[in-house]
Protein backbone atom coordinates (compact mmCIF):
# COMPACT_ATOMS: atom_id res chain seq x y z
CA UNK A 1 -14.34 52.34 -69.76
CA UNK A 2 -13.87 50.98 -66.52
CA UNK A 3 -15.83 47.60 -65.84
CA UNK A 4 -17.79 48.80 -62.98
CA UNK A 5 -18.78 51.78 -64.86
CA UNK A 6 -19.75 49.39 -67.92
CA UNK A 7 -21.70 47.56 -65.39
CA UNK A 8 -23.73 50.19 -64.21
CA UNK A 9 -24.41 51.60 -67.51
CA UNK A 10 -25.50 48.26 -68.62
CA UNK A 11 -27.93 48.03 -65.83
CA UNK A 12 -29.35 51.55 -66.23
CA UNK A 13 -30.39 50.62 -70.05
CA UNK A 14 -32.03 47.54 -68.55
CA UNK A 15 -34.09 49.58 -66.20
CA UNK A 16 -35.16 52.22 -69.15
CA UNK A 17 -36.65 48.93 -70.71
CA UNK A 18 -38.82 47.82 -68.00
CA UNK A 19 -42.28 48.72 -67.69
CA UNK A 20 -43.28 51.47 -65.36
CA UNK A 21 -45.23 49.25 -62.87
CA UNK A 22 -42.29 46.51 -62.88
CA UNK A 23 -39.31 47.03 -60.37
CA UNK A 24 -36.25 45.42 -60.55
CA UNK A 25 -34.96 42.52 -58.44
CA UNK A 26 -32.96 43.17 -55.53
CA UNK A 27 -29.36 41.72 -55.83
CA UNK A 28 -28.84 38.55 -54.27
CA UNK A 29 -26.79 40.25 -51.83
CA UNK A 30 -29.85 42.08 -50.26
CA UNK A 31 -32.15 39.49 -50.40
CA UNK A 32 -33.16 37.95 -47.20
CA UNK A 33 -32.35 34.19 -47.24
CA UNK A 34 -35.39 32.05 -46.10
CA UNK A 35 -33.15 30.52 -43.17
CA UNK A 36 -32.51 34.04 -41.76
CA UNK A 37 -36.11 34.56 -41.91
CA UNK A 38 -36.77 31.60 -40.01
CA UNK A 39 -34.32 32.23 -37.17
CA UNK A 40 -35.86 35.67 -36.70
CA UNK A 41 -39.50 34.25 -36.66
CA UNK A 42 -37.88 31.53 -34.04
CA UNK A 43 -36.41 34.37 -32.20
CA UNK A 44 -39.65 36.56 -31.85
CA UNK A 45 -41.42 33.43 -30.80
CA UNK A 46 -39.17 32.20 -28.12
CA UNK A 47 -39.11 35.97 -26.78
CA UNK A 48 -42.63 35.96 -26.65
CA UNK A 49 -42.55 32.89 -24.60
CA UNK A 50 -39.89 34.48 -22.15
CA UNK A 51 -42.44 37.48 -21.62
CA UNK A 52 -45.25 35.07 -20.87
CA UNK A 53 -43.36 33.28 -18.36
CA UNK A 54 -42.43 36.42 -16.67
CA UNK A 55 -45.98 37.72 -16.36
CA UNK A 56 -47.32 34.55 -15.22
CA UNK A 57 -44.88 34.21 -12.55
CA UNK A 58 -45.18 37.68 -11.58
CA UNK A 59 -48.89 37.56 -11.26
CA UNK A 60 -48.71 34.85 -9.13
CA UNK A 61 -46.17 36.25 -6.82
CA UNK A 62 -48.36 39.32 -6.77
CA UNK A 63 -51.34 37.18 -5.70
CA UNK A 64 -49.33 35.59 -2.95
CA UNK A 65 -48.42 38.93 -1.42
CA UNK A 66 -51.90 40.06 -1.53
CA UNK A 67 -53.04 37.27 0.19
CA UNK A 68 -50.27 37.50 2.81
CA UNK A 69 -51.65 40.74 3.46
CA UNK A 70 -54.93 40.19 3.51
CA UNK A 71 -54.60 36.87 5.82
CA UNK A 72 -51.24 37.53 7.98
CA UNK A 73 -49.23 34.61 9.17
CA UNK A 74 -45.95 34.11 10.87
CA UNK A 75 -44.39 33.12 7.31
CA UNK A 76 -45.19 34.45 3.92
CA UNK A 77 -46.80 31.01 3.05
CA UNK A 78 -49.23 32.26 0.45
CA UNK A 79 -46.13 33.96 -1.43
CA UNK A 80 -44.05 30.94 -1.48
CA UNK A 81 -47.08 28.84 -2.68
CA UNK A 82 -48.31 30.65 -5.31
CA UNK A 83 -45.00 31.60 -6.70
CA UNK A 84 -44.11 27.89 -6.88
CA UNK A 85 -47.36 27.37 -8.45
CA UNK A 86 -47.01 30.10 -11.07
CA UNK A 87 -43.43 28.87 -11.69
CA UNK A 88 -45.00 25.53 -12.58
CA UNK A 89 -47.71 26.75 -14.57
CA UNK A 90 -45.17 28.71 -16.56
CA UNK A 91 -43.16 25.71 -17.33
CA UNK A 92 -45.82 23.92 -18.44
CA UNK A 93 -46.96 26.48 -21.01
CA UNK A 94 -43.19 26.70 -22.28
CA UNK A 95 -43.24 22.73 -22.89
CA UNK A 96 -46.63 23.05 -24.70
CA UNK A 97 -45.66 25.35 -27.11
CA UNK A 98 -42.30 24.03 -27.97
CA UNK A 99 -44.07 20.95 -28.39
CA UNK A 100 -46.52 22.70 -30.66
CA UNK A 101 -43.79 24.21 -32.58
CA UNK A 102 -41.88 21.47 -33.06
CA UNK A 103 -44.88 19.35 -34.46
CA UNK A 104 -44.88 21.91 -37.36
C-alpha cells in the first residue's frame, strides 16, 4: 500500500469513530492564521475610512456648487471654500480614527 493511500485510510478510520455532532478540525494548511485575519480586518477598516473621506469631500463640494448656483459670484468662491473645509474635516476624521485604532 502506498503511503498516501495508507494515510487516507487511516483518516477515514478516525472519522468513523467520531461522534456524529463532532466535526473534524481543518488541517493546519486550511486554517486562517490570526495574522491574516487581522490584516483583513485592518484592510476593511482603512477602506471604510477612504469611503468616508470620499463622502465628506463630495458632500462639501456639492454644497459649494449649490451655493455658487444659488448666490452667483465672479469666481466659484463657495465651491473652493466648502471643498477645502471638507478636506480638512475628512483629514481630522482620519487622524482621529487612526489614533483610536493605535490605542487598541
